[in-house]
């Protein structure tokens, strides 16, 4: 939907020579223990390959964040953090 809103559309058939490929290269969730708090470190990396005619571009988009916690986060909180990390990398792609 976000690409469509920016004017992109799917091209098919013999004349279609445009390509957009997005690879999820990393989606990491690590924990660390501290004295009073723990750390949650999230890292996302997307690789994008775009080609239109003779022009081609490859780019990497990254997102990193760390959350400090006193108690173990819930599944819902973890899902929010993972989605935010992935969303930040996708936002970079869409803004480029």
C-alpha atoms as a PDB file:
ATOM      1  CA  UNK A   1       0.000   0.000   0.000  1.00  0.00           C
ATOM      2  CA  UNK A   2       2.828   2.405   0.849  1.00  0.00           C
ATOM      3  CA  UNK A   3       4.500   1.830  -2.528  1.00  0.00           C
ATOM      4  CA  UNK A   4       1.187   2.218  -4.336  1.00  0.00           C
ATOM      5  CA  UNK A   5       0.619   5.519  -2.517  1.00  0.00           C
ATOM      6  CA  UNK A   6       3.975   6.722  -3.918  1.00  0.00           C
ATOM      7  CA  UNK A   7       2.859   5.937  -7.473  1.00  0.00           C
ATOM      8  CA  UNK A   8       4.287   2.454  -7.934  1.00  0.00           C
ATOM      9  CA  UNK A   9       2.238  -0.232  -9.640  1.00  0.00           C
ATOM     10  CA  UNK A  10       2.743  -3.855 -10.603  1.00  0.00           C
ATOM     11  CA  UNK A  11       3.817  -4.340 -14.207  1.00  0.00           C
ATOM     12  CA  UNK A  12       3.369  -7.709 -15.878  1.00  0.00           C
ATOM     13  CA  UNK A  13       3.790  -9.090 -19.348  1.00  0.00           C
ATOM     14  CA  UNK A  14       6.544  -9.052 -21.941  1.00  0.00           C
ATOM     15  CA  UNK A  15       7.303  -5.326 -21.577  1.00  0.00           C
ATOM     16  CA  UNK A  16       7.730  -5.453 -17.804  1.00  0.00           C
ATOM     17  CA  UNK A  17      11.426  -5.021 -17.040  1.00  0.00           C
ATOM     18  CA  UNK A  18      11.286  -3.445 -13.583  1.00  0.00           C
ATOM     19  CA  UNK A  19      12.269  -5.331 -10.456  1.00  0.00           C
ATOM     20  CA  UNK A  20      12.014  -4.568  -6.750  1.00  0.00           C
ATOM     21  CA  UNK A  21      13.373  -7.196  -4.405  1.00  0.00           C
ATOM     22  CA  UNK A  22      13.440  -6.723  -0.613  1.00  0.00           C
ATOM     23  CA  UNK A  23      15.337  -9.268   1.472  1.00  0.00           C
ATOM     24  CA  UNK A  24      15.148  -9.503   5.246  1.00  0.00           C
ATOM     25  CA  UNK A  25      18.829 -10.115   5.984  1.00  0.00           C
ATOM     26  CA  UNK A  26      18.666  -9.904   9.777  1.00  0.00           C
ATOM     27  CA  UNK A  27      16.069  -9.682  12.499  1.00  0.00           C
ATOM     28  CA  UNK A  28      17.929 -10.168  15.758  1.00  0.00           C
ATOM     29  CA  UNK A  29      16.718 -10.024  19.341  1.00  0.00           C
ATOM     30  CA  UNK A  30      19.383 -10.308  22.033  1.00  0.00           C
ATOM     31  CA  UNK A  31      19.269  -9.907  25.792  1.00  0.00           C
ATOM     32  CA  UNK A  32      21.898  -8.837  28.282  1.00  0.00           C
ATOM     33  CA  UNK A  33      21.872  -8.811  32.065  1.00  0.00           C
ATOM     34  CA  UNK A  34      22.886  -5.808  34.106  1.00  0.00           C
ATOM     35  CA  UNK A  35      23.073  -5.189  37.834  1.00  0.00           C
ATOM     36  CA  UNK A  36      19.574  -3.718  38.265  1.00  0.00           C
ATOM     37  CA  UNK A  37      18.223  -3.853  34.725  1.00  0.00           C
ATOM     38  CA  UNK A  38      18.415  -6.029  31.665  1.00  0.00           C
ATOM     39  CA  UNK A  39      18.859  -4.990  28.097  1.00  0.00           C
ATOM     40  CA  UNK A  40      16.945  -5.959  24.991  1.00  0.00           C
ATOM     41  CA  UNK A  41      18.834  -5.222  21.778  1.00  0.00           C
ATOM     42  CA  UNK A  42      17.014  -5.405  18.434  1.00  0.00           C
ATOM     43  CA  UNK A  43      18.646  -5.203  15.031  1.00  0.00           C
ATOM     44  CA  UNK A  44      16.995  -5.307  11.611  1.00  0.00           C
ATOM     45  CA  UNK A  45      18.676  -5.239   8.224  1.00  0.00           C
ATOM     46  CA  UNK A  46      16.970  -5.137   4.830  1.00  0.00           C
ATOM     47  CA  UNK A  47      18.705  -5.454   1.478  1.00  0.00           C
ATOM     48  CA  UNK A  48      16.898  -3.863  -1.452  1.00  0.00           C
ATOM     49  CA  UNK A  49      17.577  -4.448  -5.124  1.00  0.00           C
ATOM     50  CA  UNK A  50      15.758  -2.281  -7.655  1.00  0.00           C
ATOM     51  CA  UNK A  51      16.090  -2.328 -11.414  1.00  0.00           C
ATOM     52  CA  UNK A  52      14.343  -0.294 -14.047  1.00  0.00           C
ATOM     53  CA  UNK A  53      15.631  -0.617 -17.584  1.00  0.00           C
ATOM     54  CA  UNK A  54      19.423  -0.361 -17.468  1.00  0.00           C
ATOM     55  CA  UNK A  55      19.481   1.352 -14.053  1.00  0.00           C
ATOM     56  CA  UNK A  56      19.960  -0.784 -10.982  1.00  0.00           C
ATOM     57  CA  UNK A  57      20.435   0.028  -7.322  1.00  0.00           C
ATOM     58  CA  UNK A  58      21.294  -2.069  -4.271  1.00  0.00           C
ATOM     59  CA  UNK A  59      20.974  -0.627  -0.785  1.00  0.00           C
ATOM     60  CA  UNK A  60      21.033  -1.767   2.817  1.00  0.00           C
ATOM     61  CA  UNK A  61      18.660  -0.335   5.420  1.00  0.00           C
ATOM     62  CA  UNK A  62      19.288  -0.867   9.124  1.00  0.00           C
ATOM     63  CA  UNK A  63      17.497  -0.282  12.364  1.00  0.00           C
ATOM     64  CA  UNK A  64      18.904  -0.785  15.850  1.00  0.00           C
ATOM     65  CA  UNK A  65      17.371  -0.122  19.213  1.00  0.00           C
ATOM     66  CA  UNK A  66      17.994  -1.016  22.823  1.00  0.00           C
ATOM     67  CA  UNK A  67      15.432  -1.163  25.593  1.00  0.00           C
ATOM     68  CA  UNK A  68      16.354  -1.271  29.284  1.00  0.00           C
ATOM     69  CA  UNK A  69      13.977  -3.331  31.423  1.00  0.00           C
ATOM     70  CA  UNK A  70      13.576  -4.106  35.099  1.00  0.00           C
ATOM     71  CA  UNK A  71      11.175  -7.004  34.568  1.00  0.00           C
ATOM     72  CA  UNK A  72      10.877  -9.526  31.760  1.00  0.00           C
ATOM     73  CA  UNK A  73       8.785  -7.987  28.958  1.00  0.00           C
ATOM     74  CA  UNK A  74       5.515  -9.591  27.898  1.00  0.00           C
ATOM     75  CA  UNK A  75       5.017 -11.255  24.529  1.00  0.00           C
ATOM     76  CA  UNK A  76       2.956  -8.241  23.430  1.00  0.00           C
ATOM     77  CA  UNK A  77       5.750  -5.824  24.367  1.00  0.00           C
ATOM     78  CA  UNK A  78       8.319  -7.966  22.553  1.00  0.00           C
ATOM     79  CA  UNK A  79       6.090  -8.043  19.455  1.00  0.00           C
ATOM     80  CA  UNK A  80       5.763  -4.230  19.573  1.00  0.00           C
ATOM     81  CA  UNK A  81       9.546  -3.807  19.763  1.00  0.00           C
ATOM     82  CA  UNK A  82      10.225  -6.258  16.919  1.00  0.00           C
ATOM     83  CA  UNK A  83       7.546  -4.613  14.757  1.00  0.00           C
ATOM     84  CA  UNK A  84       8.968  -1.153  15.523  1.00  0.00           C
ATOM     85  CA  UNK A  85      12.474  -2.253  14.541  1.00  0.00           C
ATOM     86  CA  UNK A  86      11.252  -3.730  11.253  1.00  0.00           C
ATOM     87  CA  UNK A  87       9.017  -0.698  10.670  1.00  0.00           C
ATOM     88  CA  UNK A  88      11.943   1.703  11.095  1.00  0.00           C
ATOM     89  CA  UNK A  89      13.952  -0.105   8.409  1.00  0.00           C
ATOM     90  CA  UNK A  90      10.931  -0.170   6.075  1.00  0.00           C
ATOM     91  CA  UNK A  91      10.325   3.546   6.682  1.00  0.00           C
ATOM     92  CA  UNK A  92      13.917   4.272   5.614  1.00  0.00           C
ATOM     93  CA  UNK A  93      13.313   2.290   2.418  1.00  0.00           C
ATOM     94  CA  UNK A  94      10.056   4.087   1.660  1.00  0.00           C
ATOM     95  CA  UNK A  95      11.576   7.516   2.325  1.00  0.00           C
ATOM     96  CA  UNK A  96      14.516   6.839  -0.006  1.00  0.00           C
END
